[in-house]
Each structure stands twice: as C-alpha cells, then as structure tokens.
Amino acid sequence: MRAWQVSAIGDPVDVARIVDLPHPILSAGQVMVKVRAVGLNLPDLLLMQGRYQNHPGTSYIPGFEFAGEVVAVADDVDLPVGARVLCVPDLPHGPRGGLAEYVPIDAAAVYEIPDAMSFTDAAAMSITYVTALLAIERRGRLRSGETLLVHGGAGGVGTAAIQLGLHMGARVLATAGGGEKVAFCESLGAEAVDYRSEDFVDFVRERTAGVGADVIIDPVGGEVFERSRKAVAWEGRLLVVGFASDSIGSMKSNQLLLKNFSVIGVNRDQYRFRDPEVFRSLHREVFSLYQSGAFRPVIKETVGFADVQSAWARLAGRNTIGKVVVTL
C-alpha cells in the first residue's frame, strides 16, 4: 500500500516521502476506508515543521481530512460496506492521517456524505467549512444585517467564511494579499482590500462609515490580530482561528473596554473531545447547507498522489486560493 510518511520534524521536502507499507488491519470500533480524495491544509505543514500544538511523533501519515469508500468494518460497527464517507482522523494525536491508499479509522470519526457530494468536495469540508461555521455561527453569533470581516479571505477558511457569512445575511468585507486574490474574494460577493498596499483598518472604517465590523474572523494572527481592534465595532466579536502568519498577537486588556468587544477562541478540534455531539452536528449542518446550494467549496486545484510535495510548497508560499485536494 502506498502512503506518504513523515519520518522526522522538518520541511516537507526533507522529511516526507512515498513509501510502501503493509495493508493495514482493522481494530475493534474501526472501519477500513479506500481513500479517494484528501484535503491539504496549513496544519499539515505546521505539524511536519514541529510548529503545531501537539505532535504524533515520527513515522506518521499526514492528512487531516479525507473522503472515500468503506470497504470493511469491524464486527462492532454498524456501518455498511460501500458507504461514502468523510473522515476526520485523530491527527495530531495519532499516527494515521489520510494520505494513504487505505486507512483504518475509528467509526466515530466517520461521517456519511450525501449522494450528491463528490469525494473531492467532501475532502474540502471539515477543516474549512466546519471551522468557519463554528466561528461565525456558534462562537461569533453573526446576525443577518451585521458586517463580517474575513482576514485571509482567499484561503480555505476565508473562502468558506465569505460564502457562509453571505448566506447568513451579513455584509462581508475581506482582506487578501494581491490583486488576483482580492478579485477572487469579490467574485464570491465580498468587498475586498489588498492588505499589502492598503490599510485594512481605513478600508473597514470607510466602508462602514466609521462603525467597524461586528464580527472579525482571524486565521492570520500577529499584527493582523493586534490591528483588528481598531476595525471592530461596538460590542463586536474578534474570533481567533489560527496563526497563519506564524506569529501570535497580543492585546492589552484595557483595549477591550473602549468598545466593549470580545476576543473569542475558535478551536474546532477541541469539540471532538470535549463536546462530540456539537462536532457531529456541525458536520451535519455543513452537509445540509451544501445540499441546499448555499455554497460550493472553492477547490482551485486538484493534484495526483505523486504531486503532493509540490502542492505543499505552494501552500507554504501562500500561492493557493481556496483548497488544494489530492485525488486518488
């Protein structure tokens, strides 16, 4: 069986390679999935480089989300062979992600997908759309008519947040790096600004007549997080999703009092352990929204199994829009 394996901490070009492994064996409570598509994400890179909060050790298979067909089930699992599923493996705590031809995975981490959903679309759902929905609906309490500011609007979480925010009736503003990414955000329906050449704070203030954004979703961190306090509205909600800038911002607590705004953490993965039903319900809601036509995942690039290394390089260089999906 072919699989991508990471042998040490370092850059993907140095520590990741395709290997031949024995066909995996099922354990109790598991299903065997023939992998059809794998979503690539920034956390894959952070994990390999030792920059993630946890680490599975050496000789692990990367890939935080994948989709495929169930080809075998353990005796204690009530799931039919042939089921089409989205899988969310227990990375970074376990050794098996999705970048392999076959993956045994706990049945609790498997979600049957709608018949109309392709494997490629399914592999783009969990990290991006579930995170975005968790952020703006459950944690940010976005309401129709409010203004949502999406940082990193051309990224995976960013494109998902733009689509979901518009569906929820919000006015959506977005930041992106470069003209192509700005234009893409605008094609989704957002009002966008190139943060490389313009001050996003001035942009938000101008577009909102000085009021600011009610909800800000920030997967970037660093200076973007720190300056967002100047772009947030009275009683606004600043959502901390990640640190794509590789920098963790800080803020003095007295600044919260000037506009009575809140800084709120959004950690999708913690829900699978602390409140599994919320985690499952978020996936069900995303599937329902997909079926209703509320959004289609932004997949600008699909690559073959052998081309994962070059795709990782484009992700690391911020040279992608939306999601990159590996097809098998």
Protein backbone atom coordinates (compact mmCIF):
# COMPACT_ATOMS: atom_id res chain seq x y z
CA MET A 1 0.00 0.00 0.00
CA ARG A 2 1.31 3.45 -0.96
CA ALA A 3 1.33 6.15 1.67
CA TRP A 4 3.03 9.43 2.39
CA GLN A 5 5.11 9.07 5.53
CA VAL A 6 6.81 11.71 7.65
CA SER A 7 10.00 10.46 9.27
CA ALA A 8 11.17 13.48 11.30
CA ILE A 9 10.47 17.11 12.09
CA GLY A 10 11.43 19.45 9.26
CA ASP A 11 10.34 20.84 5.91
CA PRO A 12 8.19 18.51 3.78
CA VAL A 13 10.82 18.20 1.05
CA ASP A 14 13.24 16.77 3.61
CA VAL A 15 11.05 14.61 5.84
CA ALA A 16 8.09 13.36 3.75
CA ARG A 17 8.19 10.66 1.09
CA ILE A 18 6.02 7.98 -0.53
CA VAL A 19 6.59 4.54 0.97
CA ASP A 20 5.14 1.05 0.54
CA LEU A 21 3.51 -0.17 3.74
CA PRO A 22 1.73 -3.44 4.61
CA HIS A 23 -2.01 -3.31 4.14
CA PRO A 24 -3.47 -2.03 7.44
CA ILE A 25 -5.51 -4.24 9.77
CA LEU A 26 -8.83 -3.31 11.37
CA SER A 27 -9.20 -3.00 15.12
CA ALA A 28 -12.42 -3.03 17.13
CA GLY A 29 -14.59 0.03 16.54
CA GLN A 30 -12.96 0.83 13.21
CA VAL A 31 -13.79 0.88 9.51
CA MET A 32 -11.41 0.48 6.59
CA VAL A 33 -11.67 3.27 4.02
CA LYS A 34 -10.36 3.21 0.47
CA VAL A 35 -9.20 6.80 0.08
CA ARG A 36 -10.48 8.76 -2.91
CA ALA A 37 -9.58 12.36 -2.02
CA VAL A 38 -7.54 14.17 0.64
CA GLY A 39 -7.72 17.83 1.59
CA LEU A 40 -4.35 19.55 2.07
CA ASN A 41 -4.16 22.18 4.80
CA LEU A 42 -1.74 24.53 6.50
CA PRO A 43 -1.81 22.35 9.66
CA ASP A 44 -0.13 19.58 7.60
CA LEU A 45 2.88 21.87 7.15
CA LEU A 46 2.85 23.11 10.74
CA LEU A 47 2.78 19.53 12.03
CA MET A 48 5.72 18.46 9.88
CA GLN A 49 7.72 21.51 10.93
CA GLY A 50 7.06 20.95 14.63
CA ARG A 51 5.04 24.16 14.91
CA TYR A 52 1.73 22.55 15.89
CA GLN A 53 0.44 22.34 19.48
CA ASN A 54 0.79 18.55 19.57
CA HIS A 55 2.79 16.02 17.58
CA PRO A 56 2.24 12.32 16.81
CA GLY A 57 5.96 11.50 16.82
CA THR A 58 7.90 10.18 13.85
CA SER A 59 6.75 7.83 11.10
CA TYR A 60 3.22 9.12 10.82
CA ILE A 61 0.94 9.56 7.80
CA PRO A 62 -0.17 13.19 7.26
CA GLY A 63 -3.58 14.38 6.06
CA PHE A 64 -6.13 15.98 8.40
CA GLU A 65 -9.24 15.16 6.31
CA PHE A 66 -10.09 12.67 3.58
CA ALA A 67 -13.01 11.07 1.80
CA GLY A 68 -13.56 7.61 0.36
CA GLU A 69 -15.49 4.35 0.43
CA VAL A 70 -15.88 1.94 3.34
CA VAL A 71 -14.50 -1.44 2.23
CA ALA A 72 -14.60 -3.30 5.56
CA VAL A 73 -15.99 -2.82 9.06
CA ALA A 74 -15.21 -4.33 12.45
CA ASP A 75 -17.83 -6.63 13.96
CA ASP A 76 -18.93 -4.00 16.46
CA VAL A 77 -19.53 -1.25 13.87
CA ASP A 78 -22.95 -0.58 12.35
CA LEU A 79 -21.96 0.99 9.03
CA PRO A 80 -22.49 -0.64 5.63
CA VAL A 81 -19.66 -1.62 3.35
CA GLY A 82 -19.82 0.70 0.36
CA ALA A 83 -20.79 3.77 2.39
CA ARG A 84 -19.37 7.03 1.05
CA VAL A 85 -17.76 8.93 3.88
CA LEU A 86 -15.80 11.95 5.04
CA CYS A 87 -13.18 11.04 7.63
CA VAL A 88 -11.53 13.24 10.26
CA PRO A 89 -8.55 11.28 11.62
CA ASP A 90 -7.16 11.91 15.09
CA LEU A 91 -4.19 13.98 13.99
CA PRO A 92 -2.05 15.26 15.58
CA HIS A 93 -2.58 12.73 18.38
CA GLY A 94 -2.49 9.56 16.27
CA PRO A 95 -0.13 8.19 13.61
CA ARG A 96 -2.58 7.80 10.69
CA GLY A 97 -3.84 10.62 8.53
CA GLY A 98 -5.45 10.39 5.12
CA LEU A 99 -2.54 10.37 2.66
CA ALA A 100 -2.60 6.64 2.01
CA GLU A 101 -4.48 4.29 -0.28
CA TYR A 102 -6.30 2.64 2.66
CA VAL A 103 -6.86 3.98 6.17
CA PRO A 104 -8.36 2.21 9.22
CA ILE A 105 -10.19 4.80 11.30
CA ASP A 106 -12.47 4.87 14.33
CA ALA A 107 -16.12 4.79 13.26
CA ALA A 108 -16.78 7.82 15.49
CA ALA A 109 -14.56 9.90 13.17
CA VAL A 110 -16.51 8.93 10.03
CA TYR A 111 -19.42 10.88 8.52
CA GLU A 112 -21.60 9.56 5.73
CA ILE A 113 -21.82 12.13 2.96
CA PRO A 114 -24.82 13.00 0.76
CA ASP A 115 -25.13 11.12 -2.54
CA ALA A 116 -24.80 14.38 -4.46
CA MET A 117 -21.49 15.28 -2.79
CA SER A 118 -18.35 14.26 -4.66
CA PHE A 119 -15.37 12.83 -2.82
CA THR A 120 -13.35 15.88 -3.90
CA ASP A 121 -15.89 18.26 -2.38
CA ALA A 122 -16.17 16.15 0.77
CA ALA A 123 -12.41 16.29 1.32
CA ALA A 124 -12.66 20.10 1.46
CA MET A 125 -15.36 20.26 4.13
CA SER A 126 -14.13 19.66 7.66
CA ILE A 127 -11.11 21.89 8.23
CA THR A 128 -12.54 24.85 6.32
CA TYR A 129 -16.36 24.88 6.35
CA VAL A 130 -16.85 23.31 9.77
CA THR A 131 -14.29 25.73 11.21
CA ALA A 132 -15.90 28.73 9.51
CA LEU A 133 -19.40 27.70 10.62
CA LEU A 134 -18.24 27.10 14.18
CA ALA A 135 -16.58 30.52 14.19
CA ILE A 136 -19.23 32.79 12.77
CA GLU A 137 -22.39 30.99 13.92
CA ARG A 138 -21.69 29.33 17.27
CA ARG A 139 -18.81 31.46 18.58
CA GLY A 140 -19.37 34.78 16.79
CA ARG A 141 -23.19 34.77 16.85
CA LEU A 142 -23.29 36.55 13.49
CA ARG A 143 -26.71 38.02 12.74
CA SER A 144 -28.33 38.99 9.48
CA GLY A 145 -27.53 42.60 8.63
CA GLU A 146 -24.25 42.66 10.56
CA THR A 147 -20.85 43.24 8.98
CA LEU A 148 -18.37 40.37 8.89
CA LEU A 149 -14.66 41.00 8.22
CA VAL A 150 -12.75 37.95 6.97
CA HIS A 151 -8.97 38.05 7.15
CA GLY A 152 -7.18 35.79 4.68
CA GLY A 153 -10.28 35.85 2.52
CA ALA A 154 -8.77 33.84 -0.35
CA GLY A 155 -7.66 30.95 1.88
CA GLY A 156 -9.59 27.81 2.74
CA VAL A 157 -11.25 29.09 5.90
CA GLY A 158 -11.54 32.55 4.37
CA THR A 159 -13.47 31.48 1.27
CA ALA A 160 -15.73 29.31 3.44
CA ALA A 161 -16.41 32.21 5.82
CA ILE A 162 -17.26 34.56 2.96
CA GLN A 163 -19.78 32.11 1.49
CA LEU A 164 -21.36 31.22 4.83
CA GLY A 165 -21.45 34.83 6.00
CA LEU A 166 -23.27 35.94 2.87
CA HIS A 167 -25.70 33.03 3.22
CA MET A 168 -26.45 34.18 6.78
CA GLY A 169 -27.38 37.64 5.52
CA ALA A 170 -24.26 39.52 6.57
CA ARG A 171 -22.37 42.16 4.67
CA VAL A 172 -18.93 40.65 4.11
CA LEU A 173 -15.62 42.51 3.90
CA ALA A 174 -12.37 40.64 3.26
CA THR A 175 -8.62 41.13 3.24
CA ALA A 176 -6.34 39.32 0.81
CA GLY A 177 -2.78 39.57 -0.48
CA GLY A 178 -2.51 40.67 -4.11
CA GLY A 179 -4.85 41.67 -6.89
CA GLU A 180 -5.75 38.13 -8.01
CA LYS A 181 -6.85 37.12 -4.52
CA VAL A 182 -8.76 40.37 -4.00
CA ALA A 183 -10.60 39.83 -7.28
CA PHE A 184 -11.46 36.28 -6.26
CA CYS A 185 -12.91 37.41 -2.93
CA GLU A 186 -15.01 39.94 -4.83
CA SER A 187 -16.20 37.21 -7.21
CA LEU A 188 -17.60 35.40 -4.16
CA GLY A 189 -19.55 38.52 -3.16
CA ALA A 190 -17.23 40.17 -0.63
CA GLU A 191 -15.93 43.72 -0.64
CA ALA A 192 -12.19 43.17 -0.54
CA VAL A 193 -8.97 45.06 0.06
CA ASP A 194 -5.33 44.23 -0.72
CA TYR A 195 -3.68 44.43 2.70
CA ARG A 196 -0.26 44.64 1.03
CA SER A 197 -0.97 48.02 -0.50
CA GLU A 198 -3.81 49.45 1.64
CA ASP A 199 -4.58 49.79 5.34
CA PHE A 200 -7.40 47.37 6.10
CA VAL A 201 -8.42 49.44 9.14
CA ASP A 202 -9.02 52.51 6.94
CA PHE A 203 -10.87 50.30 4.45
CA VAL A 204 -13.23 48.92 7.11
CA ARG A 205 -13.88 52.31 8.64
CA GLU A 206 -14.60 53.83 5.23
CA ARG A 207 -16.97 51.03 4.18
CA THR A 208 -18.86 51.08 7.49
CA ALA A 209 -18.99 54.87 7.99
CA GLY A 210 -16.67 54.54 10.96
CA VAL A 211 -18.72 51.87 12.77
CA GLY A 212 -16.41 48.91 12.18
CA ALA A 213 -17.07 45.20 11.70
CA ASP A 214 -19.42 43.39 14.08
CA VAL A 215 -17.59 40.09 13.67
CA ILE A 216 -13.97 39.60 12.59
CA ILE A 217 -12.64 36.14 11.77
CA ASP A 218 -8.86 35.98 12.02
CA PRO A 219 -6.90 32.91 10.90
CA VAL A 220 -3.75 35.03 10.43
CA GLY A 221 -2.72 36.30 13.87
CA GLY A 222 0.22 38.55 14.67
CA GLU A 223 -0.09 42.17 13.66
CA VAL A 224 -3.38 41.47 11.88
CA PHE A 225 -4.91 40.41 15.18
CA GLU A 226 -3.47 43.39 17.03
CA ARG A 227 -4.68 45.94 14.47
CA SER A 228 -8.13 44.37 14.22
CA ARG A 229 -9.09 46.05 17.49
CA LYS A 230 -9.18 49.30 15.51
CA ALA A 231 -11.56 47.77 12.95
CA VAL A 232 -14.03 46.11 15.32
CA ALA A 233 -17.42 47.66 16.09
CA TRP A 234 -19.00 48.43 19.46
CA GLU A 235 -19.81 45.10 21.14
CA GLY A 236 -18.04 43.34 18.27
CA ARG A 237 -16.57 39.84 18.35
CA LEU A 238 -12.97 39.17 17.29
CA LEU A 239 -12.56 35.46 16.55
CA VAL A 240 -9.10 33.90 16.87
CA VAL A 241 -8.98 30.92 14.48
CA GLY A 242 -5.28 30.42 13.80
CA PHE A 243 -1.84 31.85 13.22
CA ALA A 244 -1.03 31.55 9.51
CA SER A 245 1.44 34.43 9.91
CA ASP A 246 3.44 32.23 12.31
CA SER A 247 3.09 34.99 14.88
CA ILE A 248 0.84 35.13 17.95
CA GLY A 249 -0.52 38.61 18.56
CA SER A 250 -1.20 40.20 21.90
CA MET A 251 -3.57 42.85 23.19
CA LYS A 252 -3.78 44.87 26.38
CA SER A 253 -6.94 44.05 28.29
CA ASN A 254 -7.93 47.70 28.75
CA GLN A 255 -8.41 47.95 24.99
CA LEU A 256 -11.43 45.66 25.28
CA LEU A 257 -13.24 48.28 27.33
CA LEU A 258 -13.10 51.03 24.71
CA LYS A 259 -15.68 49.29 22.52
CA ASN A 260 -16.86 46.51 24.86
CA PHE A 261 -15.71 43.99 22.27
CA SER A 262 -14.89 40.33 22.89
CA VAL A 263 -11.91 38.22 21.84
CA ILE A 264 -13.12 34.65 21.33
CA GLY A 265 -11.14 31.48 20.68
CA VAL A 266 -12.22 29.07 17.94
CA ASN A 267 -10.65 25.60 18.17
CA ARG A 268 -12.61 23.17 16.03
CA ASP A 269 -10.60 20.12 17.06
CA GLN A 270 -11.31 20.53 20.78
CA TYR A 271 -15.02 19.93 20.19
CA ARG A 272 -14.43 16.37 19.01
CA PHE A 273 -13.13 15.54 22.51
CA ARG A 274 -14.99 17.98 24.78
CA ASP A 275 -18.39 18.00 23.06
CA PRO A 276 -18.55 15.34 20.32
CA GLU A 277 -22.22 15.95 19.57
CA VAL A 278 -21.52 19.58 18.68
CA PHE A 279 -18.70 18.37 16.42
CA ARG A 280 -21.03 15.94 14.64
CA SER A 281 -23.86 18.48 14.41
CA LEU A 282 -21.55 21.00 12.74
CA HIS A 283 -20.72 18.44 10.05
CA ARG A 284 -24.40 17.63 9.58
CA GLU A 285 -25.22 21.32 9.21
CA VAL A 286 -22.44 21.84 6.68
CA PHE A 287 -23.71 18.87 4.65
CA SER A 288 -27.25 20.28 4.78
CA LEU A 289 -26.08 23.71 3.62
CA TYR A 290 -24.18 22.07 0.77
CA GLN A 291 -27.24 20.12 -0.31
CA SER A 292 -29.36 23.29 -0.22
CA GLY A 293 -26.97 25.03 -2.60
CA ALA A 294 -25.85 27.59 0.00
CA PHE A 295 -22.23 27.11 -1.10
CA ARG A 296 -19.83 25.06 -3.17
CA PRO A 297 -16.32 24.51 -1.85
CA VAL A 298 -13.64 26.57 -3.54
CA ILE A 299 -11.25 23.98 -4.95
CA LYS A 300 -8.95 25.76 -7.35
CA GLU A 301 -6.51 22.89 -7.70
CA THR A 302 -6.53 19.10 -7.61
CA VAL A 303 -3.30 17.11 -7.71
CA GLY A 304 -2.33 13.47 -8.02
CA PHE A 305 -0.85 11.40 -5.21
CA ALA A 306 2.70 11.79 -6.51
CA ASP A 307 2.39 15.59 -6.74
CA VAL A 308 1.70 16.29 -3.07
CA GLN A 309 5.20 17.63 -2.43
CA SER A 310 4.83 20.47 -4.95
CA ALA A 311 1.35 21.27 -3.60
CA TRP A 312 2.77 21.60 -0.09
CA ALA A 313 5.34 24.05 -1.47
CA ARG A 314 2.58 26.21 -2.98
CA LEU A 315 0.70 26.15 0.32
CA ALA A 316 3.83 27.18 2.20
CA GLY A 317 4.39 30.05 -0.25
CA ARG A 318 0.78 31.29 0.08
CA ASN A 319 0.38 30.65 -3.66
CA THR A 320 -3.01 28.95 -3.50
CA ILE A 321 -6.63 30.08 -3.46
CA GLY A 322 -9.27 28.12 -1.56
CA LYS A 323 -8.46 24.43 -1.13
CA VAL A 324 -5.99 22.04 -2.71
CA VAL A 325 -7.29 18.46 -2.89
CA VAL A 326 -5.36 15.28 -3.69
CA THR A 327 -7.29 12.74 -5.77
CA LEU A 328 -6.53 9.02 -5.80
